[in-house]
Amino acid sequence: MSTDHTAPSADLSRRNLLHLALAGGGLLFAVAIPSSAMASGKVAKKAVQYQDSPKGKSRCDNCRQWQAPAACKLVDGPISPAGWCMIYAPVPKA
């Protein structure tokens, strides 16, 4: 009698690999947020690579998250109208 014991495949599907990458990225993002920013419901500038200068035409004062005169709905601390971060979302044109 022969018994065929097949071991589970060590190969990861693309879907599983993507899920692992997203989970790891979320973990890194959560670790990068200081507790004071978490208490306010906002993320730290460093976590979103905030800079005080624009990136081309992309600037905080034409982002959906902008709150005049110097704040953001999502990023903690004072924000320059001419700043930029990686969660920039342009205001849709009417």
C-alpha atoms as a PDB file:
ATOM      1  CA  MET A   1       0.000   0.000   0.000  1.00  0.00           C
ATOM      2  CA  SER A   2       1.222   3.368  -0.818  1.00  0.00           C
ATOM      3  CA  THR A   3       0.122   6.450   1.010  1.00  0.00           C
ATOM      4  CA  ASP A   4       0.588   9.742  -0.670  1.00  0.00           C
ATOM      5  CA  HIS A   5       1.056  12.490   1.871  1.00  0.00           C
ATOM      6  CA  THR A   6       1.307  15.770   0.121  1.00  0.00           C
ATOM      7  CA  ALA A   7       2.581  18.718   2.052  1.00  0.00           C
ATOM      8  CA  PRO A   8       0.772  22.007   1.699  1.00  0.00           C
ATOM      9  CA  SER A   9       2.300  24.170  -0.972  1.00  0.00           C
ATOM     10  CA  ALA A  10       4.749  26.749   0.258  1.00  0.00           C
ATOM     11  CA  ASP A  11       4.033  28.898  -2.768  1.00  0.00           C
ATOM     12  CA  LEU A  12       1.991  32.004  -2.129  1.00  0.00           C
ATOM     13  CA  SER A  13      -0.669  33.075  -4.563  1.00  0.00           C
ATOM     14  CA  ARG A  14      -0.564  36.640  -5.770  1.00  0.00           C
ATOM     15  CA  ARG A  15      -3.725  37.344  -3.779  1.00  0.00           C
ATOM     16  CA  ASN A  16      -2.225  36.006  -0.533  1.00  0.00           C
ATOM     17  CA  LEU A  17       0.986  37.918  -1.153  1.00  0.00           C
ATOM     18  CA  LEU A  18      -0.975  41.132  -1.702  1.00  0.00           C
ATOM     19  CA  HIS A  19      -2.945  40.567   1.517  1.00  0.00           C
ATOM     20  CA  LEU A  20       0.280  40.028   3.451  1.00  0.00           C
ATOM     21  CA  ALA A  21       1.841  43.164   1.958  1.00  0.00           C
ATOM     22  CA  LEU A  22      -1.210  45.279   2.808  1.00  0.00           C
ATOM     23  CA  ALA A  23      -1.350  43.924   6.355  1.00  0.00           C
ATOM     24  CA  GLY A  24       2.348  44.651   6.841  1.00  0.00           C
ATOM     25  CA  GLY A  25       1.957  48.158   5.431  1.00  0.00           C
ATOM     26  CA  GLY A  26      -0.978  48.830   7.744  1.00  0.00           C
ATOM     27  CA  LEU A  27       1.060  47.652  10.696  1.00  0.00           C
ATOM     28  CA  LEU A  28       3.950  49.938   9.768  1.00  0.00           C
ATOM     29  CA  PHE A  29       1.547  52.858   9.333  1.00  0.00           C
ATOM     30  CA  ALA A  30      -0.024  52.210  12.750  1.00  0.00           C
ATOM     31  CA  VAL A  31       3.392  52.046  14.428  1.00  0.00           C
ATOM     32  CA  ALA A  32       4.412  55.365  12.838  1.00  0.00           C
ATOM     33  CA  ILE A  33       1.463  57.252  14.364  1.00  0.00           C
ATOM     34  CA  PRO A  34       2.245  58.733  17.780  1.00  0.00           C
ATOM     35  CA  SER A  35      -0.361  58.307  20.509  1.00  0.00           C
ATOM     36  CA  SER A  36      -1.157  62.053  20.606  1.00  0.00           C
ATOM     37  CA  ALA A  37      -2.119  61.980  16.933  1.00  0.00           C
ATOM     38  CA  MET A  38      -4.210  58.853  17.476  1.00  0.00           C
ATOM     39  CA  ALA A  39      -6.061  60.595  20.307  1.00  0.00           C
ATOM     40  CA  SER A  40      -6.969  63.455  17.973  1.00  0.00           C
ATOM     41  CA  GLY A  41      -7.968  61.046  15.189  1.00  0.00           C
ATOM     42  CA  LYS A  42      -5.291  62.477  12.909  1.00  0.00           C
ATOM     43  CA  VAL A  43      -2.024  61.071  11.594  1.00  0.00           C
ATOM     44  CA  ALA A  44       1.451  62.474  12.169  1.00  0.00           C
ATOM     45  CA  LYS A  45       3.068  64.561   9.446  1.00  0.00           C
ATOM     46  CA  LYS A  46       5.968  62.132   9.243  1.00  0.00           C
ATOM     47  CA  ALA A  47       3.628  59.187   8.589  1.00  0.00           C
ATOM     48  CA  VAL A  48       2.288  60.859   5.429  1.00  0.00           C
ATOM     49  CA  GLN A  49       5.594  62.422   4.338  1.00  0.00           C
ATOM     50  CA  TYR A  50       4.251  65.966   4.811  1.00  0.00           C
ATOM     51  CA  GLN A  51       6.389  68.773   3.390  1.00  0.00           C
ATOM     52  CA  ASP A  52       5.927  72.559   3.614  1.00  0.00           C
ATOM     53  CA  SER A  53       6.367  72.976  -0.147  1.00  0.00           C
ATOM     54  CA  PRO A  54       3.991  71.934  -2.944  1.00  0.00           C
ATOM     55  CA  LYS A  55       4.502  69.031  -5.333  1.00  0.00           C
ATOM     56  CA  GLY A  56       3.873  70.673  -8.675  1.00  0.00           C
ATOM     57  CA  LYS A  57       0.325  72.038  -8.661  1.00  0.00           C
ATOM     58  CA  SER A  58      -0.617  69.736  -5.782  1.00  0.00           C
ATOM     59  CA  ARG A  59      -0.857  71.821  -2.605  1.00  0.00           C
ATOM     60  CA  CYS A  60      -2.741  71.559   0.646  1.00  0.00           C
ATOM     61  CA  ASP A  61      -4.994  74.529  -0.095  1.00  0.00           C
ATOM     62  CA  ASN A  62      -6.475  72.725  -3.119  1.00  0.00           C
ATOM     63  CA  CYS A  63      -6.909  69.368  -1.327  1.00  0.00           C
ATOM     64  CA  ARG A  64     -10.247  67.919  -0.164  1.00  0.00           C
ATOM     65  CA  GLN A  65      -8.882  67.638   3.385  1.00  0.00           C
ATOM     66  CA  TRP A  66      -7.813  71.308   3.718  1.00  0.00           C
ATOM     67  CA  GLN A  67      -9.241  73.383   6.580  1.00  0.00           C
ATOM     68  CA  ALA A  68      -8.390  77.085   6.308  1.00  0.00           C
ATOM     69  CA  PRO A  69      -6.421  78.872   7.575  1.00  0.00           C
ATOM     70  CA  ALA A  70      -3.778  76.244   8.451  1.00  0.00           C
ATOM     71  CA  ALA A  71      -5.161  72.785   9.206  1.00  0.00           C
ATOM     72  CA  CYS A  72      -6.006  69.425   7.671  1.00  0.00           C
ATOM     73  CA  LYS A  73      -8.869  67.033   8.459  1.00  0.00           C
ATOM     74  CA  LEU A  74      -6.459  64.084   8.525  1.00  0.00           C
ATOM     75  CA  VAL A  75      -2.965  65.366   9.405  1.00  0.00           C
ATOM     76  CA  ASP A  76      -2.028  66.545  12.908  1.00  0.00           C
ATOM     77  CA  GLY A  77      -0.499  69.956  13.573  1.00  0.00           C
ATOM     78  CA  PRO A  78      -0.267  73.234  11.678  1.00  0.00           C
ATOM     79  CA  ILE A  79      -0.320  72.835   7.901  1.00  0.00           C
ATOM     80  CA  SER A  80       1.048  75.239   5.298  1.00  0.00           C
ATOM     81  CA  PRO A  81      -1.402  76.159   2.508  1.00  0.00           C
ATOM     82  CA  ALA A  82       1.471  75.538   0.086  1.00  0.00           C
ATOM     83  CA  GLY A  83       2.350  72.172   1.683  1.00  0.00           C
ATOM     84  CA  TRP A  84       1.843  68.645   0.344  1.00  0.00           C
ATOM     85  CA  CYS A  85       1.617  65.062   1.650  1.00  0.00           C
ATOM     86  CA  MET A  86       1.095  61.610   0.203  1.00  0.00           C
ATOM     87  CA  ILE A  87      -2.642  61.566   1.028  1.00  0.00           C
ATOM     88  CA  TYR A  88      -3.281  64.653  -1.129  1.00  0.00           C
ATOM     89  CA  ALA A  89      -6.676  64.445  -2.854  1.00  0.00           C
ATOM     90  CA  PRO A  90      -7.499  67.249  -5.305  1.00  0.00           C
ATOM     91  CA  VAL A  91     -10.780  69.099  -4.972  1.00  0.00           C
ATOM     92  CA  PRO A  92     -12.964  68.039  -7.908  1.00  0.00           C
ATOM     93  CA  LYS A  93     -13.549  70.752 -10.475  1.00  0.00           C
ATOM     94  CA  ALA A  94     -17.156  71.888 -10.834  1.00  0.00           C
END
